[in-house]
């Protein structure tokens, strides 16, 4: 699939996710082996100490991992597993999640996601994740 067409497919997939719409997630880059999502930080995504809630960072990792895997496996993918390491509290205006494919075959891809927080012009990595994403026969399948 051509990169421009892939980007449009990615935008449609993101638009179809109600939670992504709720958070205001934007697809910045989407090409084979690379996906970048951005999420604006608002008061609604902060925990009691003023840091971005870990669940929002986890969402960013999971969604970016599936997007980047989908760029090489096709659009019907599911998360088999992922692990996230929180490195430091996220304080800033925007979350940037950058995903890359580490290794892929026909049915699964192992991917990495680096999650940064931007405050002004400074960007700091606040979490990293790795996951295995598998191709699914159908989005509606219960198998």
C-alpha atoms as a PDB file:
ATOM      1  CA  UNK A   1       0.000   0.000   0.000  1.00  0.00           C
ATOM      2  CA  UNK A   2       1.298   3.458  -0.883  1.00  0.00           C
ATOM      3  CA  UNK A   3       2.328   5.624   2.084  1.00  0.00           C
ATOM      4  CA  UNK A   4      -0.295   8.313   1.427  1.00  0.00           C
ATOM      5  CA  UNK A   5      -3.052   5.693   1.160  1.00  0.00           C
ATOM      6  CA  UNK A   6      -1.780   3.976   4.322  1.00  0.00           C
ATOM      7  CA  UNK A   7      -1.926   7.311   6.168  1.00  0.00           C
ATOM      8  CA  UNK A   8      -5.579   7.784   5.134  1.00  0.00           C
ATOM      9  CA  UNK A   9      -6.434   4.258   6.331  1.00  0.00           C
ATOM     10  CA  UNK A  10      -4.729   5.064   9.645  1.00  0.00           C
ATOM     11  CA  UNK A  11      -6.672   8.302  10.034  1.00  0.00           C
ATOM     12  CA  UNK A  12      -9.943   6.450   9.400  1.00  0.00           C
ATOM     13  CA  UNK A  13      -9.050   3.779  11.965  1.00  0.00           C
ATOM     14  CA  UNK A  14      -8.201   6.410  14.573  1.00  0.00           C
ATOM     15  CA  UNK A  15     -11.429   8.292  13.848  1.00  0.00           C
ATOM     16  CA  UNK A  16     -13.390   5.048  14.419  1.00  0.00           C
ATOM     17  CA  UNK A  17     -11.977   4.714  17.964  1.00  0.00           C
ATOM     18  CA  UNK A  18     -14.227   6.569  20.382  1.00  0.00           C
ATOM     19  CA  UNK A  19     -11.589   6.640  23.153  1.00  0.00           C
ATOM     20  CA  UNK A  20      -9.033   8.121  20.756  1.00  0.00           C
ATOM     21  CA  UNK A  21     -11.539  10.811  19.788  1.00  0.00           C
ATOM     22  CA  UNK A  22     -12.238  11.494  23.476  1.00  0.00           C
ATOM     23  CA  UNK A  23      -8.517  12.074  24.125  1.00  0.00           C
ATOM     24  CA  UNK A  24      -8.023  14.122  20.953  1.00  0.00           C
ATOM     25  CA  UNK A  25      -5.401  11.732  19.572  1.00  0.00           C
ATOM     26  CA  UNK A  26      -3.893  12.754  16.230  1.00  0.00           C
ATOM     27  CA  UNK A  27      -2.008  10.579  13.749  1.00  0.00           C
ATOM     28  CA  UNK A  28       1.155  12.482  12.811  1.00  0.00           C
ATOM     29  CA  UNK A  29       3.100   9.897  10.803  1.00  0.00           C
ATOM     30  CA  UNK A  30       2.120   6.497   9.462  1.00  0.00           C
ATOM     31  CA  UNK A  31       4.194   4.551   6.981  1.00  0.00           C
ATOM     32  CA  UNK A  32       5.478   0.968   6.811  1.00  0.00           C
ATOM     33  CA  UNK A  33       7.315   0.298  10.065  1.00  0.00           C
ATOM     34  CA  UNK A  34       6.656   3.716  11.647  1.00  0.00           C
ATOM     35  CA  UNK A  35       3.705   5.271  13.493  1.00  0.00           C
ATOM     36  CA  UNK A  36       3.562   8.499  15.489  1.00  0.00           C
ATOM     37  CA  UNK A  37       0.553   9.562  17.563  1.00  0.00           C
ATOM     38  CA  UNK A  38       0.128  12.770  19.549  1.00  0.00           C
ATOM     39  CA  UNK A  39      -2.239  13.412  22.432  1.00  0.00           C
ATOM     40  CA  UNK A  40      -2.853  16.868  23.880  1.00  0.00           C
ATOM     41  CA  UNK A  41      -2.544  17.039  27.651  1.00  0.00           C
ATOM     42  CA  UNK A  42      -5.543  18.485  29.459  1.00  0.00           C
ATOM     43  CA  UNK A  43      -6.542  18.576  33.105  1.00  0.00           C
ATOM     44  CA  UNK A  44      -8.841  15.609  32.387  1.00  0.00           C
ATOM     45  CA  UNK A  45      -5.903  13.197  31.844  1.00  0.00           C
ATOM     46  CA  UNK A  46      -3.928  14.116  34.978  1.00  0.00           C
ATOM     47  CA  UNK A  47      -3.723  12.099  38.163  1.00  0.00           C
ATOM     48  CA  UNK A  48      -3.834  13.601  41.670  1.00  0.00           C
ATOM     49  CA  UNK A  49      -0.196  14.815  41.621  1.00  0.00           C
ATOM     50  CA  UNK A  50      -0.576  16.667  38.313  1.00  0.00           C
ATOM     51  CA  UNK A  51       1.193  14.046  36.173  1.00  0.00           C
ATOM     52  CA  UNK A  52      -0.343  12.479  33.058  1.00  0.00           C
ATOM     53  CA  UNK A  53      -2.141   9.362  34.294  1.00  0.00           C
ATOM     54  CA  UNK A  54      -0.281   6.113  33.612  1.00  0.00           C
ATOM     55  CA  UNK A  55      -3.391   4.706  31.949  1.00  0.00           C
ATOM     56  CA  UNK A  56      -3.223   7.426  29.293  1.00  0.00           C
ATOM     57  CA  UNK A  57       0.460   6.671  28.653  1.00  0.00           C
ATOM     58  CA  UNK A  58      -0.419   2.974  28.491  1.00  0.00           C
ATOM     59  CA  UNK A  59      -3.182   3.715  25.969  1.00  0.00           C
ATOM     60  CA  UNK A  60      -0.668   5.698  23.891  1.00  0.00           C
ATOM     61  CA  UNK A  61       1.737   2.746  23.918  1.00  0.00           C
ATOM     62  CA  UNK A  62      -0.889   0.111  23.081  1.00  0.00           C
ATOM     63  CA  UNK A  63      -2.487   2.125  20.303  1.00  0.00           C
ATOM     64  CA  UNK A  64       0.835   3.113  18.743  1.00  0.00           C
ATOM     65  CA  UNK A  65       2.084  -0.487  18.901  1.00  0.00           C
ATOM     66  CA  UNK A  66      -1.009  -1.738  17.087  1.00  0.00           C
ATOM     67  CA  UNK A  67      -0.816   1.043  14.507  1.00  0.00           C
ATOM     68  CA  UNK A  68       2.819   0.378  13.688  1.00  0.00           C
ATOM     69  CA  UNK A  69       2.228  -3.391  13.516  1.00  0.00           C
ATOM     70  CA  UNK A  70      -0.780  -2.785  11.282  1.00  0.00           C
ATOM     71  CA  UNK A  71       1.472  -0.875   8.912  1.00  0.00           C
ATOM     72  CA  UNK A  72       3.221  -4.156   8.071  1.00  0.00           C
ATOM     73  CA  UNK A  73       0.594  -6.814   8.928  1.00  0.00           C
ATOM     74  CA  UNK A  74      -2.529  -5.119   7.583  1.00  0.00           C
ATOM     75  CA  UNK A  75      -5.376  -3.332   9.341  1.00  0.00           C
ATOM     76  CA  UNK A  76      -6.843  -6.285  11.282  1.00  0.00           C
ATOM     77  CA  UNK A  77      -4.490  -6.614  14.246  1.00  0.00           C
ATOM     78  CA  UNK A  78      -4.834  -7.266  17.961  1.00  0.00           C
ATOM     79  CA  UNK A  79      -2.459  -6.831  20.870  1.00  0.00           C
ATOM     80  CA  UNK A  80      -1.172 -10.200  22.096  1.00  0.00           C
ATOM     81  CA  UNK A  81       0.871  -8.621  24.891  1.00  0.00           C
ATOM     82  CA  UNK A  82       2.864  -5.553  25.792  1.00  0.00           C
ATOM     83  CA  UNK A  83       5.030  -4.288  28.584  1.00  0.00           C
ATOM     84  CA  UNK A  84       5.526  -0.678  29.569  1.00  0.00           C
ATOM     85  CA  UNK A  85       8.231   0.930  31.666  1.00  0.00           C
ATOM     86  CA  UNK A  86       7.417   4.309  33.199  1.00  0.00           C
ATOM     87  CA  UNK A  87      10.693   6.226  33.357  1.00  0.00           C
ATOM     88  CA  UNK A  88       9.620   9.538  34.872  1.00  0.00           C
ATOM     89  CA  UNK A  89       6.453  11.520  35.548  1.00  0.00           C
ATOM     90  CA  UNK A  90       4.920  13.072  32.436  1.00  0.00           C
ATOM     91  CA  UNK A  91       4.399  16.820  32.838  1.00  0.00           C
ATOM     92  CA  UNK A  92       3.818  18.951  29.761  1.00  0.00           C
ATOM     93  CA  UNK A  93       1.483  19.941  26.964  1.00  0.00           C
ATOM     94  CA  UNK A  94       1.628  17.040  24.525  1.00  0.00           C
ATOM     95  CA  UNK A  95       2.290  13.287  24.548  1.00  0.00           C
ATOM     96  CA  UNK A  96       4.191  11.966  21.542  1.00  0.00           C
ATOM     97  CA  UNK A  97       4.214   8.193  21.005  1.00  0.00           C
ATOM     98  CA  UNK A  98       6.640   6.909  18.351  1.00  0.00           C
ATOM     99  CA  UNK A  99       6.344   3.291  17.280  1.00  0.00           C
ATOM    100  CA  UNK A 100       8.701   1.166  15.203  1.00  0.00           C
ATOM    101  CA  UNK A 101       8.658  -2.442  14.090  1.00  0.00           C
ATOM    102  CA  UNK A 102      11.498  -4.465  15.585  1.00  0.00           C
ATOM    103  CA  UNK A 103      10.677  -7.736  13.794  1.00  0.00           C
ATOM    104  CA  UNK A 104       7.723  -9.022  11.796  1.00  0.00           C
ATOM    105  CA  UNK A 105       6.506 -12.121  10.043  1.00  0.00           C
ATOM    106  CA  UNK A 106       3.215 -12.990   8.342  1.00  0.00           C
ATOM    107  CA  UNK A 107       1.117 -13.297  11.522  1.00  0.00           C
ATOM    108  CA  UNK A 108       2.825 -11.217  14.187  1.00  0.00           C
ATOM    109  CA  UNK A 109       5.102  -8.261  14.769  1.00  0.00           C
ATOM    110  CA  UNK A 110       7.220  -7.275  17.735  1.00  0.00           C
ATOM    111  CA  UNK A 111       7.197  -3.508  18.078  1.00  0.00           C
ATOM    112  CA  UNK A 112       8.641  -0.787  20.270  1.00  0.00           C
ATOM    113  CA  UNK A 113       7.112   2.499  21.375  1.00  0.00           C
ATOM    114  CA  UNK A 114       8.907   5.462  22.925  1.00  0.00           C
ATOM    115  CA  UNK A 115       6.578   7.887  24.686  1.00  0.00           C
ATOM    116  CA  UNK A 116       7.726  11.452  25.225  1.00  0.00           C
ATOM    117  CA  UNK A 117       6.170  14.489  26.816  1.00  0.00           C
ATOM    118  CA  UNK A 118       6.676  17.911  25.255  1.00  0.00           C
ATOM    119  CA  UNK A 119       6.841  20.969  27.488  1.00  0.00           C
ATOM    120  CA  UNK A 120       7.520  24.104  25.488  1.00  0.00           C
ATOM    121  CA  UNK A 121      10.293  23.180  23.069  1.00  0.00           C
ATOM    122  CA  UNK A 122      11.724  20.456  25.326  1.00  0.00           C
ATOM    123  CA  UNK A 123      10.823  16.816  24.773  1.00  0.00           C
ATOM    124  CA  UNK A 124      11.572  14.129  27.383  1.00  0.00           C
ATOM    125  CA  UNK A 125      11.083  10.367  27.142  1.00  0.00           C
ATOM    126  CA  UNK A 126       8.771   9.361  29.991  1.00  0.00           C
ATOM    127  CA  UNK A 127       7.942   5.727  29.094  1.00  0.00           C
ATOM    128  CA  UNK A 128       8.967   2.932  26.748  1.00  0.00           C
ATOM    129  CA  UNK A 129       6.989  -0.116  25.707  1.00  0.00           C
ATOM    130  CA  UNK A 130       7.432  -3.275  23.689  1.00  0.00           C
ATOM    131  CA  UNK A 131       4.672  -5.521  22.460  1.00  0.00           C
ATOM    132  CA  UNK A 132       3.689  -8.425  20.281  1.00  0.00           C
ATOM    133  CA  UNK A 133       0.858  -7.678  17.908  1.00  0.00           C
ATOM    134  CA  UNK A 134      -0.882 -10.417  15.920  1.00  0.00           C
ATOM    135  CA  UNK A 135      -2.816 -10.394  12.677  1.00  0.00           C
ATOM    136  CA  UNK A 136      -6.504 -11.123  13.202  1.00  0.00           C
ATOM    137  CA  UNK A 137      -8.724 -12.976  10.745  1.00  0.00           C
ATOM    138  CA  UNK A 138     -11.521 -10.487  11.349  1.00  0.00           C
ATOM    139  CA  UNK A 139     -12.125  -7.433  13.500  1.00  0.00           C
ATOM    140  CA  UNK A 140     -15.508  -8.856  14.572  1.00  0.00           C
ATOM    141  CA  UNK A 141     -14.284 -12.401  15.242  1.00  0.00           C
ATOM    142  CA  UNK A 142     -14.461 -13.864  18.751  1.00  0.00           C
ATOM    143  CA  UNK A 143     -11.919 -16.549  17.950  1.00  0.00           C
END
